[in-house]
C-alpha atoms as a PDB file:
ATOM      1  CA  MET A   1      -7.856 -22.808   7.781  1.00  0.00           C
ATOM      2  CA  THR A   2      -6.274 -20.675   5.038  1.00  0.00           C
ATOM      3  CA  LYS A   3      -2.543 -21.145   4.809  1.00  0.00           C
ATOM      4  CA  LYS A   4      -0.206 -18.183   5.227  1.00  0.00           C
ATOM      5  CA  VAL A   5       1.871 -17.273   2.187  1.00  0.00           C
ATOM      6  CA  ARG A   6       5.207 -15.460   1.923  1.00  0.00           C
ATOM      7  CA  VAL A   7       5.060 -11.838   0.709  1.00  0.00           C
ATOM      8  CA  ASP A   8       8.671 -11.034   1.604  1.00  0.00           C
ATOM      9  CA  LYS A   9      11.665 -12.974   2.835  1.00  0.00           C
ATOM     10  CA  PHE A  10      10.596 -12.501   6.460  1.00  0.00           C
ATOM     11  CA  ILE A  11       6.857 -11.714   6.207  1.00  0.00           C
ATOM     12  CA  THR A  12       3.879 -14.006   5.663  1.00  0.00           C
ATOM     13  CA  ALA A  13       0.205 -13.141   5.276  1.00  0.00           C
ATOM     14  CA  VAL A  14      -3.188 -14.736   4.708  1.00  0.00           C
ATOM     15  CA  PRO A  15      -4.960 -13.796   1.452  1.00  0.00           C
ATOM     16  CA  GLY A  16      -7.446 -11.005   2.183  1.00  0.00           C
ATOM     17  CA  GLU A  17      -6.164 -10.599   5.741  1.00  0.00           C
ATOM     18  CA  TRP A  18      -3.135  -8.276   5.591  1.00  0.00           C
ATOM     19  CA  LYS A  19      -2.409  -7.001   9.109  1.00  0.00           C
ATOM     20  CA  PHE A  20       0.203  -4.679  10.607  1.00  0.00           C
ATOM     21  CA  ASP A  21       0.993  -7.192  13.338  1.00  0.00           C
ATOM     22  CA  ASP A  22       4.185  -7.902  15.267  1.00  0.00           C
ATOM     23  CA  GLN A  23       5.764  -9.797  12.372  1.00  0.00           C
ATOM     24  CA  VAL A  24       5.174  -6.925   9.946  1.00  0.00           C
ATOM     25  CA  ALA A  25       6.134  -4.234  12.462  1.00  0.00           C
ATOM     26  CA  LYS A  26       9.567  -5.739  13.081  1.00  0.00           C
ATOM     27  CA  ARG A  27      10.378  -5.802   9.346  1.00  0.00           C
ATOM     28  CA  PHE A  28       8.285  -2.827   8.233  1.00  0.00           C
ATOM     29  CA  ASP A  29      11.069  -0.297   7.642  1.00  0.00           C
ATOM     30  CA  ASP A  30      12.799  -2.727   5.283  1.00  0.00           C
ATOM     31  CA  HIS A  31       9.630  -4.030   3.641  1.00  0.00           C
ATOM     32  CA  VAL A  32       8.133  -0.602   2.968  1.00  0.00           C
ATOM     33  CA  ARG A  33      11.209   0.417   0.979  1.00  0.00           C
ATOM     34  CA  LYS A  34      10.788  -2.654  -1.208  1.00  0.00           C
ATOM     35  CA  SER A  35       7.076  -2.000  -1.681  1.00  0.00           C
ATOM     36  CA  ILE A  36       6.744   1.774  -2.029  1.00  0.00           C
ATOM     37  CA  PRO A  37       8.635   3.761  -4.668  1.00  0.00           C
ATOM     38  CA  LEU A  38      10.440   6.941  -3.615  1.00  0.00           C
ATOM     39  CA  TYR A  39       9.682   6.206   0.038  1.00  0.00           C
ATOM     40  CA  GLU A  40      12.709   8.023   1.451  1.00  0.00           C
ATOM     41  CA  GLU A  41      12.364  10.880  -1.050  1.00  0.00           C
ATOM     42  CA  VAL A  42       8.727  11.387  -0.022  1.00  0.00           C
ATOM     43  CA  GLN A  43       9.738  11.498   3.644  1.00  0.00           C
ATOM     44  CA  ARG A  44      12.339  14.120   2.781  1.00  0.00           C
ATOM     45  CA  MET A  45       9.772  16.162   0.830  1.00  0.00           C
ATOM     46  CA  VAL A  46       7.299  16.078   3.735  1.00  0.00           C
ATOM     47  CA  VAL A  47       9.975  17.326   6.132  1.00  0.00           C
ATOM     48  CA  GLU A  48      10.926  20.125   3.731  1.00  0.00           C
ATOM     49  CA  MET A  49       7.305  21.241   3.278  1.00  0.00           C
ATOM     50  CA  SER A  50       6.781  21.196   7.039  1.00  0.00           C
ATOM     51  CA  GLU A  51       9.107  24.186   7.384  1.00  0.00           C
ATOM     52  CA  TRP A  52       6.254  26.405   6.133  1.00  0.00           C
ATOM     53  CA  PHE A  53       3.831  25.217   8.840  1.00  0.00           C
ATOM     54  CA  ILE A  54       5.638  24.157  12.022  1.00  0.00           C
ATOM     55  CA  ARG A  55       6.648  26.963  14.368  1.00  0.00           C
ATOM     56  CA  ASP A  56       6.860  27.517  18.138  1.00  0.00           C
ATOM     57  CA  ASN A  57       3.807  26.034  19.913  1.00  0.00           C
ATOM     58  CA  SER A  58       2.627  24.101  16.854  1.00  0.00           C
ATOM     59  CA  THR A  59       0.660  20.855  17.048  1.00  0.00           C
ATOM     60  CA  VAL A  60       1.368  18.192  14.435  1.00  0.00           C
ATOM     61  CA  TYR A  61      -0.585  14.981  13.821  1.00  0.00           C
ATOM     62  CA  ASP A  62       0.590  11.938  11.874  1.00  0.00           C
ATOM     63  CA  ILE A  63      -2.238   9.537  11.016  1.00  0.00           C
ATOM     64  CA  GLY A  64      -1.134   5.930  10.622  1.00  0.00           C
ATOM     65  CA  PHE A  65       2.415   6.613  11.779  1.00  0.00           C
ATOM     66  CA  SER A  66       3.583   2.959  11.454  1.00  0.00           C
ATOM     67  CA  THR A  67       7.069   2.845  13.046  1.00  0.00           C
ATOM     68  CA  GLY A  68       7.151   6.603  13.659  1.00  0.00           C
ATOM     69  CA  GLU A  69       9.498   7.416  10.765  1.00  0.00           C
ATOM     70  CA  THR A  70       7.814  10.685   9.805  1.00  0.00           C
ATOM     71  CA  ILE A  71       7.497  11.974  13.363  1.00  0.00           C
ATOM     72  CA  CYS A  72      11.143  11.147  14.079  1.00  0.00           C
ATOM     73  CA  LEU A  73      12.296  13.081  11.016  1.00  0.00           C
ATOM     74  CA  LEU A  74      10.024  16.039  11.819  1.00  0.00           C
ATOM     75  CA  GLN A  75      11.282  16.124  15.392  1.00  0.00           C
ATOM     76  CA  LYS A  76      14.876  16.261  14.217  1.00  0.00           C
ATOM     77  CA  GLU A  77      14.122  19.047  11.736  1.00  0.00           C
ATOM     78  CA  HIS A  78      12.289  21.230  14.268  1.00  0.00           C
ATOM     79  CA  LYS A  79      14.207  20.428  17.464  1.00  0.00           C
ATOM     80  CA  ARG A  80      15.145  24.082  18.037  1.00  0.00           C
ATOM     81  CA  LYS A  81      11.531  25.234  18.104  1.00  0.00           C
ATOM     82  CA  LYS A  82       9.710  25.570  21.404  1.00  0.00           C
ATOM     83  CA  ASN A  83       6.749  23.565  22.644  1.00  0.00           C
ATOM     84  CA  VAL A  84       6.030  21.695  19.416  1.00  0.00           C
ATOM     85  CA  LYS A  85       3.729  18.708  20.002  1.00  0.00           C
ATOM     86  CA  PHE A  86       3.772  15.632  17.768  1.00  0.00           C
ATOM     87  CA  ILE A  87       0.791  13.288  18.042  1.00  0.00           C
ATOM     88  CA  GLY A  88       0.799   9.965  16.221  1.00  0.00           C
ATOM     89  CA  ILE A  89      -2.346   7.891  15.727  1.00  0.00           C
ATOM     90  CA  ASP A  90      -2.304   4.219  14.697  1.00  0.00           C
ATOM     91  CA  ASN A  91      -4.340   1.111  15.497  1.00  0.00           C
ATOM     92  CA  SER A  92      -1.391  -1.306  15.724  1.00  0.00           C
ATOM     93  CA  SER A  93       0.046  -1.988  19.185  1.00  0.00           C
ATOM     94  CA  SER A  94       3.142  -3.496  17.571  1.00  0.00           C
ATOM     95  CA  MET A  95       3.808  -0.343  15.555  1.00  0.00           C
ATOM     96  CA  ILE A  96       3.288   1.829  18.620  1.00  0.00           C
ATOM     97  CA  SER A  97       5.912  -0.114  20.581  1.00  0.00           C
ATOM     98  CA  ILE A  98       8.503   0.360  17.842  1.00  0.00           C
ATOM     99  CA  ALA A  99       7.623   4.035  17.336  1.00  0.00           C
ATOM    100  CA  LYS A 100       8.038   4.742  21.050  1.00  0.00           C
ATOM    101  CA  SER A 101      11.479   3.144  21.054  1.00  0.00           C
ATOM    102  CA  LYS A 102      12.521   5.143  17.969  1.00  0.00           C
ATOM    103  CA  CYS A 103      11.093   8.486  19.110  1.00  0.00           C
ATOM    104  CA  ASN A 104      11.658   8.543  22.831  1.00  0.00           C
ATOM    105  CA  SER A 105      10.833  12.209  23.345  1.00  0.00           C
ATOM    106  CA  LYS A 106       8.583  14.060  25.752  1.00  0.00           C
ATOM    107  CA  ASN A 107       7.018  16.062  22.913  1.00  0.00           C
ATOM    108  CA  ALA A 108       5.854  12.964  20.989  1.00  0.00           C
ATOM    109  CA  VAL A 109       2.695  11.056  21.937  1.00  0.00           C
ATOM    110  CA  PHE A 110       1.546   7.869  20.236  1.00  0.00           C
ATOM    111  CA  ILE A 111      -2.134   6.961  20.529  1.00  0.00           C
ATOM    112  CA  LYS A 112      -3.792   3.659  19.646  1.00  0.00           C
ATOM    113  CA  LYS A 113      -7.045   4.328  17.832  1.00  0.00           C
ATOM    114  CA  ASP A 114      -8.885   3.205  14.698  1.00  0.00           C
ATOM    115  CA  LEU A 115      -9.038   5.889  12.013  1.00  0.00           C
ATOM    116  CA  GLY A 116     -12.811   5.848  11.976  1.00  0.00           C
ATOM    117  CA  ASP A 117     -12.902   6.568  15.714  1.00  0.00           C
ATOM    118  CA  ILE A 118     -10.843   9.784  15.626  1.00  0.00           C
ATOM    119  CA  GLU A 119     -13.123  12.509  16.988  1.00  0.00           C
ATOM    120  CA  ASN A 120     -11.112  15.680  16.395  1.00  0.00           C
ATOM    121  CA  PHE A 121      -7.747  17.267  15.754  1.00  0.00           C
ATOM    122  CA  SER A 122      -7.149  20.146  18.122  1.00  0.00           C
ATOM    123  CA  SER A 123      -5.770  23.326  16.486  1.00  0.00           C
ATOM    124  CA  ALA A 124      -3.341  21.495  14.206  1.00  0.00           C
ATOM    125  CA  ASP A 125      -0.863  23.402  12.054  1.00  0.00           C
ATOM    126  CA  LEU A 126       0.068  20.291  10.083  1.00  0.00           C
ATOM    127  CA  ILE A 127      -1.560  16.881   9.647  1.00  0.00           C
ATOM    128  CA  THR A 128       0.154  14.134   7.669  1.00  0.00           C
ATOM    129  CA  SER A 129      -1.099  10.773   6.469  1.00  0.00           C
ATOM    130  CA  LEU A 130       1.300   8.676   4.415  1.00  0.00           C
ATOM    131  CA  TYR A 131      -0.074   5.538   2.739  1.00  0.00           C
ATOM    132  CA  THR A 132      -2.841   5.212   5.345  1.00  0.00           C
ATOM    133  CA  ILE A 133      -6.225   6.557   4.231  1.00  0.00           C
ATOM    134  CA  GLN A 134      -6.135   4.066   1.342  1.00  0.00           C
ATOM    135  CA  PHE A 135      -6.910   1.362   3.928  1.00  0.00           C
ATOM    136  CA  LEU A 136     -10.024   3.145   5.169  1.00  0.00           C
ATOM    137  CA  PRO A 137     -13.335   2.012   3.624  1.00  0.00           C
ATOM    138  CA  ILE A 138     -14.541   4.704   1.232  1.00  0.00           C
ATOM    139  CA  ARG A 139     -17.756   5.304   3.169  1.00  0.00           C
ATOM    140  CA  GLN A 140     -15.666   6.419   6.196  1.00  0.00           C
ATOM    141  CA  ARG A 141     -13.226   8.719   4.414  1.00  0.00           C
ATOM    142  CA  GLU A 142     -15.447  11.773   4.159  1.00  0.00           C
ATOM    143  CA  LYS A 143     -15.966  11.797   7.936  1.00  0.00           C
ATOM    144  CA  LEU A 144     -12.239  11.551   8.684  1.00  0.00           C
ATOM    145  CA  LEU A 145     -11.216  14.141   6.092  1.00  0.00           C
ATOM    146  CA  ARG A 146     -13.889  16.551   7.271  1.00  0.00           C
ATOM    147  CA  ARG A 147     -12.548  16.254  10.823  1.00  0.00           C
ATOM    148  CA  ILE A 148      -9.050  16.871   9.492  1.00  0.00           C
ATOM    149  CA  TYR A 149     -10.246  20.029   7.738  1.00  0.00           C
ATOM    150  CA  ASP A 150     -12.157  21.234  10.797  1.00  0.00           C
ATOM    151  CA  GLY A 151      -9.202  20.553  13.097  1.00  0.00           C
ATOM    152  CA  LEU A 152      -6.638  22.494  11.084  1.00  0.00           C
ATOM    153  CA  SER A 153      -5.805  26.040  12.088  1.00  0.00           C
ATOM    154  CA  GLU A 154      -6.335  28.635   9.382  1.00  0.00           C
ATOM    155  CA  GLY A 155      -3.224  28.500   7.213  1.00  0.00           C
ATOM    156  CA  GLY A 156      -2.521  24.915   8.223  1.00  0.00           C
ATOM    157  CA  ALA A 157      -1.957  22.056   5.798  1.00  0.00           C
ATOM    158  CA  PHE A 158      -2.859  18.426   5.263  1.00  0.00           C
ATOM    159  CA  ILE A 159      -0.338  16.220   3.453  1.00  0.00           C
ATOM    160  CA  MET A 160      -1.476  12.836   2.195  1.00  0.00           C
ATOM    161  CA  VAL A 161       0.324  10.226   0.112  1.00  0.00           C
ATOM    162  CA  GLU A 162      -1.694   7.393  -1.378  1.00  0.00           C
ATOM    163  CA  LYS A 163      -1.601   4.496  -3.738  1.00  0.00           C
ATOM    164  CA  ILE A 164      -4.022   5.460  -6.506  1.00  0.00           C
ATOM    165  CA  CYS A 165      -5.906   3.990  -9.431  1.00  0.00           C
ATOM    166  CA  ALA A 166      -5.283   5.236 -12.962  1.00  0.00           C
ATOM    167  CA  GLU A 167      -7.876   7.351 -14.735  1.00  0.00           C
ATOM    168  CA  ASN A 168      -8.497   4.640 -17.368  1.00  0.00           C
ATOM    169  CA  SER A 169      -8.039   0.894 -17.757  1.00  0.00           C
ATOM    170  CA  PHE A 170      -5.109   1.084 -20.206  1.00  0.00           C
ATOM    171  CA  LEU A 171      -3.050   3.209 -17.826  1.00  0.00           C
ATOM    172  CA  GLU A 172      -4.123   1.052 -14.879  1.00  0.00           C
ATOM    173  CA  ASP A 173      -2.563  -2.006 -16.526  1.00  0.00           C
ATOM    174  CA  MET A 174       0.489   0.007 -17.531  1.00  0.00           C
ATOM    175  CA  TRP A 175       1.092   1.460 -14.045  1.00  0.00           C
ATOM    176  CA  LEU A 176       0.530  -1.920 -12.384  1.00  0.00           C
ATOM    177  CA  GLU A 177       3.110  -3.663 -14.552  1.00  0.00           C
ATOM    178  CA  LEU A 178       5.653  -0.881 -13.990  1.00  0.00           C
ATOM    179  CA  TYR A 179       4.965  -1.064 -10.250  1.00  0.00           C
ATOM    180  CA  TRP A 180       5.639  -4.793 -10.279  1.00  0.00           C
ATOM    181  CA  ASP A 181       8.870  -4.119 -12.207  1.00  0.00           C
ATOM    182  CA  PHE A 182       9.894  -1.801  -9.366  1.00  0.00           C
ATOM    183  CA  LYS A 183       9.221  -4.524  -6.800  1.00  0.00           C
ATOM    184  CA  ARG A 184      11.270  -7.028  -8.784  1.00  0.00           C
ATOM    185  CA  ARG A 185      14.190  -4.598  -8.760  1.00  0.00           C
ATOM    186  CA  GLN A 186      13.969  -4.576  -4.964  1.00  0.00           C
ATOM    187  CA  GLY A 187      14.436  -8.351  -4.853  1.00  0.00           C
ATOM    188  CA  LEU A 188      10.825  -9.485  -4.487  1.00  0.00           C
ATOM    189  CA  THR A 189       9.862 -12.507  -6.561  1.00  0.00           C
ATOM    190  CA  ASP A 190       6.821 -12.729  -8.823  1.00  0.00           C
ATOM    191  CA  LYS A 191       5.263 -15.159  -6.355  1.00  0.00           C
ATOM    192  CA  MET A 192       5.780 -12.768  -3.429  1.00  0.00           C
ATOM    193  CA  ILE A 193       4.337  -9.861  -5.428  1.00  0.00           C
ATOM    194  CA  LEU A 194       1.211 -11.831  -6.350  1.00  0.00           C
ATOM    195  CA  GLN A 195       0.738 -13.126  -2.809  1.00  0.00           C
ATOM    196  CA  LYS A 196       1.058  -9.609  -1.368  1.00  0.00           C
ATOM    197  CA  ALA A 197      -1.620  -8.436  -3.816  1.00  0.00           C
ATOM    198  CA  ARG A 198      -3.873 -11.292  -2.707  1.00  0.00           C
ATOM    199  CA  SER A 199      -3.314 -10.435   0.963  1.00  0.00           C
ATOM    200  CA  LEU A 200      -4.620  -6.897   0.309  1.00  0.00           C
ATOM    201  CA  ARG A 201      -7.921  -7.998  -1.241  1.00  0.00           C
ATOM    202  CA  GLY A 202     -10.728  -6.206   0.551  1.00  0.00           C
ATOM    203  CA  ILE A 203      -8.167  -4.329   2.671  1.00  0.00           C
ATOM    204  CA  LEU A 204      -6.800  -1.680   0.305  1.00  0.00           C
ATOM    205  CA  PHE A 205      -9.244   0.721  -1.415  1.00  0.00           C
ATOM    206  CA  PRO A 206      -7.389   3.139  -3.730  1.00  0.00           C
ATOM    207  CA  LEU A 207      -9.155   5.923  -5.629  1.00  0.00           C
ATOM    208  CA  THR A 208      -8.047   7.814  -8.708  1.00  0.00           C
ATOM    209  CA  LEU A 209      -6.100  11.028  -8.209  1.00  0.00           C
ATOM    210  CA  THR A 210      -9.089  12.986  -9.507  1.00  0.00           C
ATOM    211  CA  LYS A 211     -11.461  11.409  -7.000  1.00  0.00           C
ATOM    212  CA  ASN A 212      -9.051  11.959  -4.107  1.00  0.00           C
ATOM    213  CA  ILE A 213      -8.956  15.656  -4.988  1.00  0.00           C
ATOM    214  CA  GLU A 214     -12.762  15.753  -5.359  1.00  0.00           C
ATOM    215  CA  LEU A 215     -13.073  14.286  -1.878  1.00  0.00           C
ATOM    216  CA  LEU A 216     -10.742  16.933  -0.436  1.00  0.00           C
ATOM    217  CA  ASN A 217     -12.819  19.623  -2.184  1.00  0.00           C
ATOM    218  CA  LEU A 218     -15.969  18.096  -0.776  1.00  0.00           C
ATOM    219  CA  VAL A 219     -14.887  18.508   2.854  1.00  0.00           C
ATOM    220  CA  GLY A 220     -13.789  22.121   2.386  1.00  0.00           C
ATOM    221  CA  PHE A 221     -10.290  22.265   0.931  1.00  0.00           C
ATOM    222  CA  THR A 222     -10.023  24.638  -2.030  1.00  0.00           C
ATOM    223  CA  ASP A 223      -6.241  25.085  -2.326  1.00  0.00           C
ATOM    224  CA  ILE A 224      -4.827  21.716  -3.381  1.00  0.00           C
ATOM    225  CA  ASP A 225      -1.738  20.670  -5.303  1.00  0.00           C
ATOM    226  CA  VAL A 226       0.050  17.456  -6.268  1.00  0.00           C
ATOM    227  CA  PHE A 227       3.663  17.462  -5.105  1.00  0.00           C
ATOM    228  CA  MET A 228       4.565  13.933  -6.209  1.00  0.00           C
ATOM    229  CA  LYS A 229       3.280  11.518  -8.839  1.00  0.00           C
ATOM    230  CA  TRP A 230       4.871   8.149  -9.614  1.00  0.00           C
ATOM    231  CA  TYR A 231       2.723   5.905 -11.808  1.00  0.00           C
ATOM    232  CA  ASN A 232       0.156   4.603  -9.278  1.00  0.00           C
ATOM    233  CA  PHE A 233       1.268   6.678  -6.270  1.00  0.00           C
ATOM    234  CA  ALA A 234       0.608  10.347  -5.553  1.00  0.00           C
ATOM    235  CA  GLY A 235       1.328  12.945  -2.886  1.00  0.00           C
ATOM    236  CA  ILE A 236      -1.173  15.759  -2.309  1.00  0.00           C
ATOM    237  CA  ILE A 237      -0.970  18.876  -0.146  1.00  0.00           C
ATOM    238  CA  ALA A 238      -4.141  20.764   0.804  1.00  0.00           C
ATOM    239  CA  PHE A 239      -4.362  24.092   2.639  1.00  0.00           C
ATOM    240  CA  LYS A 240      -7.000  25.520   4.927  1.00  0.00           C
ATOM    241  CA  SER A 241      -6.835  29.048   3.619  1.00  0.00           C
ATOM    242  CA  LYS A 242      -9.938  30.957   4.673  1.00  0.00           C
ATOM    243  CA  ILE A 243     -12.837  30.359   7.023  1.00  0.00           C
ATOM    244  CA  LYS A 244     -15.812  29.355   4.898  1.00  0.00           C
ATOM    245  CA  ASN A 245     -18.841  31.608   4.725  1.00  0.00           C
ATOM    246  CA  GLN A 246     -21.556  30.197   6.967  1.00  0.00           C
ATOM    247  CA  GLU A 247     -24.084  30.763   4.183  1.00  0.00           C
ATOM    248  CA  THR A 248     -22.147  28.601   1.717  1.00  0.00           C
ATOM    249  CA  LYS A 249     -24.360  25.953   0.193  1.00  0.00           C
ATOM    250  CA  LYS A 250     -24.040  22.624   1.964  1.00  0.00           C
ATOM    251  CA  PRO A 251     -21.863  20.278  -0.134  1.00  0.00           C
ATOM    252  CA  LYS A 252     -23.080  16.993  -1.477  1.00  0.00           C
ATOM    253  CA  THR A 253     -22.238  13.864   0.440  1.00  0.00           C
ATOM    254  CA  VAL A 254     -19.459  11.592  -0.707  1.00  0.00           C
ATOM    255  CA  SER A 255     -21.965   8.934  -1.729  1.00  0.00           C
ATOM    256  CA  GLN A 256     -23.464  11.424  -4.167  1.00  0.00           C
ATOM    257  CA  LYS A 257     -20.158  12.458  -5.712  1.00  0.00           C
ATOM    258  CA  ILE A 258     -17.853   9.457  -5.564  1.00  0.00           C
ATOM    259  CA  LYS A 259     -18.849   6.024  -6.780  1.00  0.00           C
ATOM    260  CA  LEU A 260     -17.178   2.891  -5.498  1.00  0.00           C
ATOM    261  CA  GLN A 261     -14.643   1.398  -7.875  1.00  0.00           C
END
């Protein structure tokens, strides 16, 4: 049996078997701030951008909501609006329990479901996914993103934040070392950093920024912009601007356009 290793002061994991279990859920809000640069700033940016999309009777989805941080902040920002529905989707029962305790509101619903099993998003004005799609095997991403595009109302937006790969090997090494410097500044030891990386083997599948944008184009998004870039992390916003012409040539599949890294 493979021994668990320490990736934080209070969190252990098995190499290649990172899980968002009860242990991680209880310490997630602290751990994520040590592991993800600009975490609070990104949350603030998402809330600010939401002002252009959330109105009375809006429906908002958050995919991979973890402890419900984003939904809680969005609820607070839009509390004066009428009949706004917030729907969180995550596959961790432990995260759902914490999110429900943090966001105890009748207009917030938290659903347990694997990302690959999400069938549709009903008339959404805003869909967010922060640091989540990177855990989905590449072969499944096109299906999920296409359902996101189809589920958005015209004029709606999809906001995603991802860990990314650099466009070339020199920058990949450079960004990785600077990322590890960030983690050291948060109090994580070199051993913890290495053991966290080992725990994510075969679990985390980042793409380059270019390939993430290509994938969004592939499923139908044409209006896309990068609102945040920090070394090997990026935030992207994509709009559903106009209904596509039914005679538009069928796009290539993701397997034809994006090669596994």
